[in-house]
Protein backbone atom coordinates (compact mmCIF):
# COMPACT_ATOMS: atom_id res chain seq x y z
CA MET A 1 -12.98 49.10 39.26
CA PRO A 2 -10.74 49.12 42.37
CA CYS A 3 -11.63 46.91 45.32
CA ILE A 4 -13.78 48.49 47.99
CA ASN A 5 -12.09 48.43 51.39
CA GLN A 6 -13.17 49.20 54.91
CA VAL A 7 -11.26 52.46 54.97
CA SER A 8 -12.85 53.92 51.87
CA LYS A 9 -16.33 52.44 52.18
CA GLN A 10 -18.18 50.84 55.05
CA ARG A 11 -20.96 48.29 54.67
CA LYS A 12 -24.49 49.45 55.16
CA ASP A 13 -26.38 48.38 58.26
CA ARG A 14 -27.65 44.88 57.87
CA VAL A 15 -30.92 43.31 58.95
CA PRO A 16 -31.24 39.70 60.14
CA LEU A 17 -31.25 36.96 57.54
CA SER A 18 -34.90 36.22 58.13
CA GLY A 19 -35.95 39.70 57.09
CA ARG A 20 -33.64 40.42 54.19
CA ILE A 21 -34.82 38.80 51.02
CA GLY A 22 -38.07 39.94 49.49
CA LEU A 23 -38.71 36.65 47.68
CA VAL A 24 -40.73 34.68 50.18
CA GLY A 25 -41.71 31.02 49.92
CA ALA A 26 -42.81 28.13 52.06
CA SER A 27 -40.17 26.32 54.07
CA VAL A 28 -38.36 23.75 51.95
CA SER A 29 -37.85 20.26 53.33
CA ARG A 30 -34.21 19.22 53.66
CA GLU A 31 -34.85 15.51 54.16
CA ASP A 32 -33.07 14.74 50.89
CA ILE A 33 -30.21 17.17 51.44
CA ASP A 34 -26.90 15.57 52.37
CA VAL A 35 -25.43 18.57 54.13
CA SER A 36 -26.65 21.41 56.35
CA LEU A 37 -24.14 24.12 55.59
CA VAL A 38 -26.31 27.26 55.62
CA PRO A 39 -29.08 28.49 57.93
CA GLN A 40 -32.48 26.99 57.15
CA ASP A 41 -34.10 30.35 56.45
CA LEU A 42 -31.36 31.25 53.97
CA TYR A 43 -31.59 27.87 52.27
CA ASP A 44 -35.36 28.27 51.89
CA ARG A 45 -34.88 31.62 50.24
CA LEU A 46 -32.17 30.31 47.94
CA VAL A 47 -34.52 27.61 46.70
CA VAL A 48 -37.19 30.24 46.06
CA VAL A 49 -34.71 32.41 44.14
CA ARG A 50 -33.42 29.48 42.11
CA ARG A 51 -36.93 28.43 41.13
CA ASP A 52 -37.84 31.99 40.25
CA LEU A 53 -34.80 32.27 37.97
CA HIS A 54 -35.60 28.89 36.47
CA ARG A 55 -39.19 29.88 35.76
CA TYR A 56 -38.11 33.07 33.99
CA PRO A 57 -34.94 32.19 32.04
CA GLU A 58 -33.28 34.70 29.73
CA LEU A 59 -30.96 34.11 26.79
CA SER A 60 -27.43 35.46 26.45
CA TRP A 61 -27.24 39.26 26.40
CA GLN A 62 -30.92 39.45 27.42
CA GLU A 63 -30.59 38.80 31.17
CA SER A 64 -32.29 42.02 32.32
CA ARG A 65 -34.83 40.48 34.72
CA THR A 66 -32.18 38.13 36.08
CA ALA A 67 -29.91 41.09 36.80
CA SER A 68 -32.77 42.82 38.61
CA VAL A 69 -33.37 39.78 40.83
CA ILE A 70 -29.64 39.67 41.63
CA SER A 71 -29.32 43.36 42.47
CA THR A 72 -32.51 43.29 44.58
CA PHE A 73 -31.20 40.36 46.60
CA LEU A 74 -27.82 42.03 47.09
CA HIS A 75 -29.42 45.33 48.08
CA SER A 76 -31.43 43.52 50.75
CA LEU A 77 -28.11 42.34 52.21
CA GLY A 78 -26.68 45.84 52.24
CA VAL A 79 -24.19 44.89 49.53
CA GLN A 80 -23.21 47.44 46.94
CA SER A 81 -23.58 46.40 43.31
CA ARG A 82 -23.07 47.86 39.88
CA THR A 83 -25.53 46.82 37.18
CA ASN A 84 -25.44 46.98 33.38
CA VAL A 85 -21.82 45.84 33.30
CA ALA A 86 -21.08 44.39 29.86
CA GLY A 87 -24.77 44.40 29.08
CA HIS A 88 -26.66 42.80 31.95
CA GLY A 89 -23.77 41.84 34.18
CA VAL A 90 -23.76 42.66 37.88
CA VAL A 91 -20.64 43.29 39.98
CA ALA A 92 -20.93 43.43 43.76
CA GLU A 93 -18.40 44.37 46.42
CA ILE A 94 -18.05 43.19 50.01
CA PRO A 95 -15.42 45.41 51.67
CA GLY A 96 -12.20 44.20 53.24
CA PRO A 97 -8.88 45.63 54.46
CA ALA A 98 -7.35 48.52 52.56
CA GLY A 99 -4.54 47.72 50.15
CA VAL A 100 -5.41 44.03 49.75
CA PRO A 101 -6.43 42.78 46.28
CA CYS A 102 -9.94 41.40 45.83
CA VAL A 103 -10.89 37.76 45.88
CA VAL A 104 -13.28 37.35 42.95
CA LEU A 105 -16.14 34.85 42.85
CA ARG A 106 -17.97 34.39 39.55
CA ALA A 107 -21.30 32.94 38.43
CA ASP A 108 -22.90 32.85 34.98
CA THR A 109 -26.51 33.90 34.50
CA ASP A 110 -27.78 33.11 30.99
CA ALA A 111 -30.12 30.36 29.76
CA LEU A 112 -30.30 28.30 26.56
CA PRO A 113 -32.62 28.21 23.52
CA ILE A 114 -34.18 24.89 24.54
CA GLN A 115 -37.83 23.92 25.05
CA GLU A 116 -38.09 22.61 28.61
CA GLU A 117 -39.56 19.13 29.16
CA THR A 118 -38.82 18.54 32.85
CA GLY A 119 -42.41 18.68 34.07
CA LEU A 120 -41.26 20.68 37.10
CA GLU A 121 -43.85 22.89 38.77
CA PHE A 122 -41.44 25.80 38.28
CA ALA A 123 -40.61 24.98 34.66
CA SER A 124 -39.83 27.80 32.24
CA VAL A 125 -42.76 29.96 31.19
CA HIS A 126 -40.84 31.15 28.13
CA ASP A 127 -41.28 28.97 25.06
CA GLY A 128 -37.98 27.74 23.72
CA VAL A 129 -35.89 29.12 26.58
CA MET A 130 -34.63 27.05 29.52
CA HIS A 131 -32.00 27.00 32.23
CA ALA A 132 -30.61 23.70 30.96
CA CYS A 133 -27.03 24.19 32.17
CA GLY A 134 -27.59 25.10 35.80
CA HIS A 135 -26.81 28.80 35.59
CA ASP A 136 -29.86 29.46 37.76
CA GLY A 137 -28.10 27.35 40.37
CA HIS A 138 -24.72 29.03 39.90
CA THR A 139 -26.27 32.46 40.33
CA THR A 140 -28.17 31.39 43.43
CA MET A 141 -25.06 29.84 45.01
CA LEU A 142 -23.22 33.13 44.70
CA LEU A 143 -26.13 35.04 46.21
CA GLY A 144 -26.03 32.58 49.09
CA ALA A 145 -22.31 33.19 49.46
CA ALA A 146 -22.98 36.93 49.64
CA ALA A 147 -25.49 36.35 52.46
CA LEU A 148 -22.89 34.33 54.37
CA LEU A 149 -19.97 36.65 53.72
CA VAL A 150 -21.73 39.78 54.98
CA GLN A 151 -22.01 38.02 58.34
CA GLU A 152 -18.21 37.80 58.59
CA LYS A 153 -16.90 40.53 60.87
CA ASP A 154 -13.33 40.71 59.59
CA LEU A 155 -12.82 39.46 56.07
CA PRO A 156 -9.09 39.14 55.28
CA ALA A 157 -9.60 40.64 51.81
CA PRO A 158 -12.32 42.40 49.85
CA VAL A 159 -14.62 40.04 47.95
CA ARG A 160 -15.98 40.84 44.50
CA LEU A 161 -18.95 38.92 43.12
CA ILE A 162 -19.25 38.75 39.34
CA PHE A 163 -22.60 37.76 37.87
CA GLN A 164 -21.65 37.30 34.24
CA PRO A 165 -23.96 37.30 31.22
CA ALA A 166 -23.54 35.35 27.99
CA GLU A 167 -21.36 32.44 29.06
CA GLU A 168 -23.17 30.26 26.55
CA LYS A 169 -21.97 32.57 23.77
CA GLY A 170 -18.40 32.29 25.03
CA SER A 171 -18.07 36.05 25.04
CA GLY A 172 -19.46 37.26 28.36
CA ALA A 173 -16.23 36.86 30.33
CA LEU A 174 -14.18 38.90 27.86
CA ALA A 175 -16.81 41.63 27.94
CA MET A 176 -16.71 41.74 31.74
CA ILE A 177 -12.90 41.89 31.73
CA GLN A 178 -12.96 44.73 29.21
CA GLU A 179 -15.27 46.67 31.53
CA GLY A 180 -12.90 46.32 34.47
CA ALA A 181 -14.37 43.38 36.37
CA LEU A 182 -10.87 42.15 37.29
CA ASP A 183 -9.33 45.53 38.09
CA GLY A 184 -7.69 45.33 41.49
CA ALA A 185 -8.31 41.57 41.71
CA GLY A 186 -5.81 39.03 42.98
CA LEU A 187 -7.47 35.61 42.67
CA ILE A 188 -10.65 34.27 41.08
CA PHE A 189 -12.83 31.21 41.69
CA GLY A 190 -15.86 29.65 40.06
CA GLY A 191 -17.68 26.36 39.67
CA HIS A 192 -20.24 24.34 37.74
CA LEU A 193 -22.93 21.84 38.65
CA ASP A 194 -22.11 18.30 37.50
CA ARG A 195 -24.60 15.42 37.28
CA HIS A 196 -21.80 12.82 37.24
CA TYR A 197 -21.14 13.30 40.95
CA PRO A 198 -23.38 12.86 44.01
CA PRO A 199 -24.92 15.85 45.79
CA GLY A 200 -22.67 17.09 48.55
CA ALA A 201 -19.49 16.43 46.59
CA ILE A 202 -17.01 19.06 45.44
CA VAL A 203 -14.80 17.96 42.56
CA VAL A 204 -11.30 19.36 42.13
CA SER A 205 -8.93 19.08 39.16
CA GLU A 206 -5.16 19.55 39.36
CA GLY A 207 -5.09 20.69 35.74
CA ALA A 208 -7.53 20.81 32.84
CA VAL A 209 -11.23 21.25 33.61
CA ASN A 210 -12.62 22.19 30.19
CA ALA A 211 -11.32 22.15 26.63
CA SER A 212 -10.73 25.03 24.27
CA SER A 213 -13.28 25.75 21.55
CA ASP A 214 -12.34 27.04 18.10
CA ASN A 215 -14.29 26.93 14.85
CA PHE A 216 -12.94 26.65 11.33
CA THR A 217 -14.30 27.08 7.81
CA VAL A 218 -12.76 25.74 4.61
CA GLU A 219 -14.09 27.19 1.38
CA ILE A 220 -13.21 25.06 -1.65
CA ILE A 221 -13.09 26.57 -5.13
CA GLY A 222 -12.96 24.01 -7.91
CA GLN A 223 -14.52 23.88 -11.37
CA GLY A 224 -18.15 23.01 -11.97
CA ALA A 225 -19.25 20.86 -14.90
CA HIS A 226 -22.10 18.74 -16.24
CA GLY A 227 -22.58 15.56 -14.28
CA ALA A 228 -22.00 13.57 -17.48
CA ARG A 229 -18.61 15.23 -18.12
CA PRO A 230 -16.66 14.87 -14.84
CA HIS A 231 -13.34 15.07 -16.66
CA GLU A 232 -14.01 18.76 -17.25
CA SER A 233 -14.48 19.48 -13.55
CA ILE A 234 -12.52 19.96 -10.39
CA ASP A 235 -15.08 18.31 -8.14
CA ALA A 236 -15.42 20.32 -4.93
CA VAL A 237 -17.48 17.51 -3.35
CA ILE A 238 -14.66 15.01 -3.86
CA VAL A 239 -12.08 17.47 -2.56
CA GLY A 240 -14.21 18.26 0.49
CA SER A 241 -14.91 14.59 1.19
CA LEU A 242 -11.21 13.76 1.09
CA MET A 243 -10.50 16.63 3.46
CA ILE A 244 -13.10 15.44 5.95
CA MET A 245 -11.64 11.94 6.00
CA ALA A 246 -8.06 13.19 6.24
CA LEU A 247 -8.85 15.59 9.07
CA GLN A 248 -9.91 12.63 11.20
CA THR A 249 -6.32 11.35 11.16
CA ILE A 250 -5.09 14.40 13.07
CA VAL A 251 -6.35 13.22 16.45
CA SER A 252 -5.82 9.51 15.82
CA ARG A 253 -2.33 9.74 14.29
CA GLU A 254 -0.74 13.09 15.12
CA VAL A 255 -1.77 13.94 18.68
CA ASP A 256 -0.42 12.24 21.79
CA PRO A 257 -3.24 9.86 22.87
CA SER A 258 -2.80 10.98 26.48
CA ARG A 259 -3.88 14.51 25.51
CA PRO A 260 -7.59 14.53 24.64
CA SER A 261 -8.64 16.49 21.58
CA VAL A 262 -11.40 16.58 18.98
CA VAL A 263 -11.70 17.64 15.34
CA SER A 264 -15.30 17.52 14.11
CA VAL A 265 -16.78 18.67 10.81
CA GLY A 266 -20.40 19.57 11.44
CA GLN A 267 -21.44 21.09 8.12
CA PHE A 268 -20.69 20.30 4.46
CA HIS A 269 -22.41 22.50 1.90
CA ALA A 270 -22.08 21.88 -1.84
CA GLY A 271 -24.02 21.51 -5.05
CA THR A 272 -27.10 22.99 -6.70
CA ALA A 273 -28.54 20.14 -8.80
CA PRO A 274 -28.19 16.34 -9.11
CA ASN A 275 -26.72 16.55 -12.61
CA VAL A 276 -24.21 19.33 -11.89
CA ILE A 277 -20.77 18.66 -10.43
CA ALA A 278 -20.23 21.24 -7.72
CA GLY A 279 -17.53 23.78 -8.33
CA GLN A 280 -17.64 25.12 -4.81
CA ALA A 281 -18.06 23.64 -1.34
CA LYS A 282 -17.79 24.76 2.25
CA LEU A 283 -16.80 22.77 5.33
CA GLU A 284 -17.41 24.05 8.85
CA GLY A 285 -16.18 22.40 12.00
CA THR A 286 -14.94 22.72 15.55
CA LEU A 287 -11.70 21.96 17.41
CA ARG A 288 -11.38 21.04 21.08
CA ALA A 289 -8.20 20.58 23.11
CA GLN A 290 -7.32 20.48 26.80
CA ASP A 291 -3.74 21.56 26.20
CA PRO A 292 -2.64 24.87 24.62
CA THR A 293 0.13 23.14 22.67
CA VAL A 294 -2.29 20.60 21.22
CA ARG A 295 -4.68 23.42 20.38
CA ARG A 296 -2.00 25.08 18.23
CA GLN A 297 -1.10 21.72 16.71
CA LEU A 298 -4.69 21.08 15.61
CA LEU A 299 -4.94 24.46 13.91
CA SER A 300 -1.64 23.94 12.10
CA SER A 301 -2.54 20.42 10.97
CA ILE A 302 -5.91 21.49 9.56
CA ARG A 303 -4.23 24.11 7.41
CA ARG A 304 -1.55 21.71 6.20
CA ILE A 305 -3.95 18.91 5.31
CA ALA A 306 -6.55 21.12 3.65
CA GLU A 307 -3.96 22.96 1.57
CA SER A 308 -2.25 19.73 0.50
CA ILE A 309 -5.45 18.04 -0.65
CA ALA A 310 -6.59 21.13 -2.51
CA GLN A 311 -3.26 21.39 -4.30
CA LEU A 312 -3.32 17.68 -5.15
CA HIS A 313 -6.62 18.08 -6.98
CA GLY A 314 -6.04 21.50 -8.50
CA ALA A 315 -8.52 23.32 -6.28
CA LYS A 316 -8.10 26.54 -4.37
CA ILE A 317 -9.14 27.01 -0.77
CA GLN A 318 -9.67 29.70 1.81
CA ILE A 319 -9.36 28.73 5.47
CA THR A 320 -10.89 30.84 8.22
CA VAL A 321 -10.26 30.05 11.88
CA THR A 322 -12.38 31.69 14.56
CA GLU A 323 -10.57 31.30 17.84
CA GLY A 324 -12.89 30.85 20.80
CA THR A 325 -12.32 30.13 24.45
CA PRO A 326 -8.95 28.77 25.55
CA PRO A 327 -8.75 25.60 27.64
CA LEU A 328 -9.73 26.02 31.28
CA ILE A 329 -6.74 24.86 33.32
CA ASN A 330 -6.53 25.25 37.08
CA HIS A 331 -3.37 26.78 38.47
CA PRO A 332 -1.69 23.99 40.55
CA GLU A 333 -1.28 26.15 43.65
CA MET A 334 -4.90 27.23 43.38
CA ALA A 335 -6.05 23.61 43.05
CA THR A 336 -4.43 22.99 46.42
CA LEU A 337 -6.17 26.04 47.85
CA VAL A 338 -9.64 25.06 46.62
CA ARG A 339 -9.16 21.50 47.85
CA ARG A 340 -8.53 22.93 51.29
CA ALA A 341 -11.67 25.09 51.02
CA ALA A 342 -13.71 22.14 49.77
CA THR A 343 -12.46 19.92 52.60
CA GLU A 344 -13.32 22.60 55.12
CA THR A 345 -16.80 22.78 53.61
CA VAL A 346 -17.91 19.18 53.05
CA GLY A 347 -15.21 17.01 54.61
CA GLU A 348 -12.35 15.16 52.95
CA GLU A 349 -14.50 12.16 52.02
CA HIS A 350 -16.71 14.35 49.84
CA VAL A 351 -13.87 16.04 47.97
CA LEU A 352 -13.40 14.05 44.78
CA PRO A 353 -10.91 14.17 41.90
CA LEU A 354 -12.21 15.13 38.47
CA LYS A 355 -12.55 11.87 36.55
CA THR A 356 -12.03 13.48 33.18
CA ALA A 357 -11.98 17.03 31.89
CA ASN A 358 -15.00 18.17 29.91
CA MET A 359 -14.48 18.63 26.17
CA GLY A 360 -17.03 21.43 26.25
CA ALA A 361 -15.87 25.02 26.63
CA GLU A 362 -16.20 27.42 29.57
CA ASP A 363 -15.26 31.07 29.23
CA PHE A 364 -14.06 31.24 32.83
CA SER A 365 -10.77 30.36 31.13
CA TYR A 366 -10.41 33.98 30.03
CA TYR A 367 -10.26 35.08 33.67
CA LEU A 368 -7.53 32.53 34.38
CA GLU A 369 -5.45 34.01 31.58
CA LYS A 370 -5.43 37.26 33.57
CA ILE A 371 -5.09 36.19 37.21
CA PRO A 372 -4.58 32.91 39.12
CA GLY A 373 -7.59 30.92 40.21
CA ALA A 374 -9.41 27.63 39.99
CA TYR A 375 -12.71 26.14 38.90
CA VAL A 376 -14.48 23.28 40.68
CA ARG A 377 -17.52 21.13 40.04
CA PHE A 378 -20.42 20.65 42.42
CA GLY A 379 -22.04 17.22 42.60
CA SER A 380 -25.71 17.62 41.72
CA GLN A 381 -26.93 14.22 40.62
CA VAL A 382 -30.70 13.72 40.85
CA LEU A 383 -31.78 10.11 41.29
CA GLY A 384 -33.76 9.01 38.27
CA ARG A 385 -32.45 11.86 36.12
CA GLU A 386 -28.79 10.85 35.83
CA GLY A 387 -29.20 10.33 32.10
CA TYR A 388 -30.16 13.92 31.37
CA PRO A 389 -26.98 15.93 30.74
CA ALA A 390 -26.52 19.67 30.64
CA HIS A 391 -28.21 21.17 27.58
CA SER A 392 -30.89 18.47 27.75
CA SER A 393 -34.55 19.53 27.76
CA LYS A 394 -34.97 17.43 30.94
CA PHE A 395 -31.91 18.67 32.82
CA ASP A 396 -32.29 19.30 36.55
CA PHE A 397 -30.06 19.27 39.62
CA ASP A 398 -30.27 18.47 43.33
CA GLU A 399 -31.01 21.77 45.06
CA GLY A 400 -28.90 20.66 48.00
CA ALA A 401 -25.98 21.79 45.85
CA LEU A 402 -27.09 25.38 46.48
CA ALA A 403 -26.05 25.06 50.11
CA VAL A 404 -22.79 23.36 49.19
CA GLY A 405 -21.89 26.04 46.67
CA ALA A 406 -22.73 28.95 48.96
CA ALA A 407 -20.72 27.51 51.84
CA TYR A 408 -17.80 26.61 49.57
CA TYR A 409 -17.58 30.11 48.15
CA ARG A 410 -17.54 31.57 51.65
CA SER A 411 -14.71 29.22 52.60
CA VAL A 412 -12.61 29.80 49.49
CA ALA A 413 -13.06 33.57 49.77
CA LYS A 414 -11.71 33.53 53.32
CA ILE A 415 -8.79 31.17 52.61
CA ALA A 416 -7.79 33.00 49.45
CA GLY A 417 -8.23 36.32 51.22
CA ARG A 418 -5.85 35.28 53.98
CA GLN A 419 -3.28 34.32 51.36
CA LEU A 420 -3.55 37.69 49.64
CA ASN A 421 -3.45 39.49 52.97
CA GLN A 422 -0.28 37.65 53.99
CA GLN A 423 1.36 38.44 50.66
CA VAL A 424 0.66 42.14 51.13
CA ALA A 425 1.98 42.03 54.69
CA ALA A 426 5.14 40.25 53.55
CA ASN A 427 5.86 42.96 51.02
């Protein structure tokens, strides 16, 4: 999927902003919006699109209607797009100079299996499905960025927009990469709404943004026996219980306290009857780390501890580790670049440092394993709803963040594009 450039492909004729987008709604008041970074008519349409996506959420790998809304919006801008990428992904191209790698901007599009309880007039119409992580906002921001970028007469580099499915499954990014979404790309940028910061803020990290996410299973094979004759058993419940307790010492006693990590056992299955000592048990848990070295350490320690306890009690075990997303760590040079873009967008006083990296996972990290880039957070706090985190049935965000995100992506695309252009010229 090579970048489209102005030599090989010209943009289609464009119509004015006011006539482009087919989703029409009443003008939206901006009295509560901190910044005015996009034209009013575009902002109005972005709110309409966001609310439409919110009303009709779709789960991972099922984002067909969402993809249609995206491609329709892009088509109205005269922007080329390719649909059905890695399922229901959409990849769009805004041309730039020949021979310059693409700047990639990415948004996620999928919703969650949650019953919405916000009471919003545009609440989900699908039972048990909700945009509870702001992906409706992320998608809309990137559409807004497209509307702004097509107005630029001379982009320094081609811009590729990735609308990625299945982030919540942790597998959408890999699927997009496998289908060529990063071919010909030089740098990549993304972001996430964050209720911990005020609307209008852009939050930048010099390093870790999100933790890794790996799952593990320990199957314990002991010896069952009658509950009245424990001496004839190898009690899988006892062995499993000792493992659970011992695993909690990994983070507290083996990992540097300055490097956040988590080992959690979420499931413990054993036993068939109250008077039967279980001969088999299964533990299932998750590991989180913000540092690749700590991630490897956690995996090694789990194996060592589980094997030692099993051997001590005469049991056998089988350990299965399912590696998930790696930690999301901004490239230092790219953190400097996005801080510049954020400052250009909202002013230095509204560019904030990330207080603490999130222990949740984000599969944007797979992109950063391939090419340099950075991931920011957009302040989206709603007064009175600060206590409702992402993945809550009452989650919502300040729609003013749509304008911030769209303007930021335009800025970072231009700054990153100039850097790529200069690198090509220097070579």
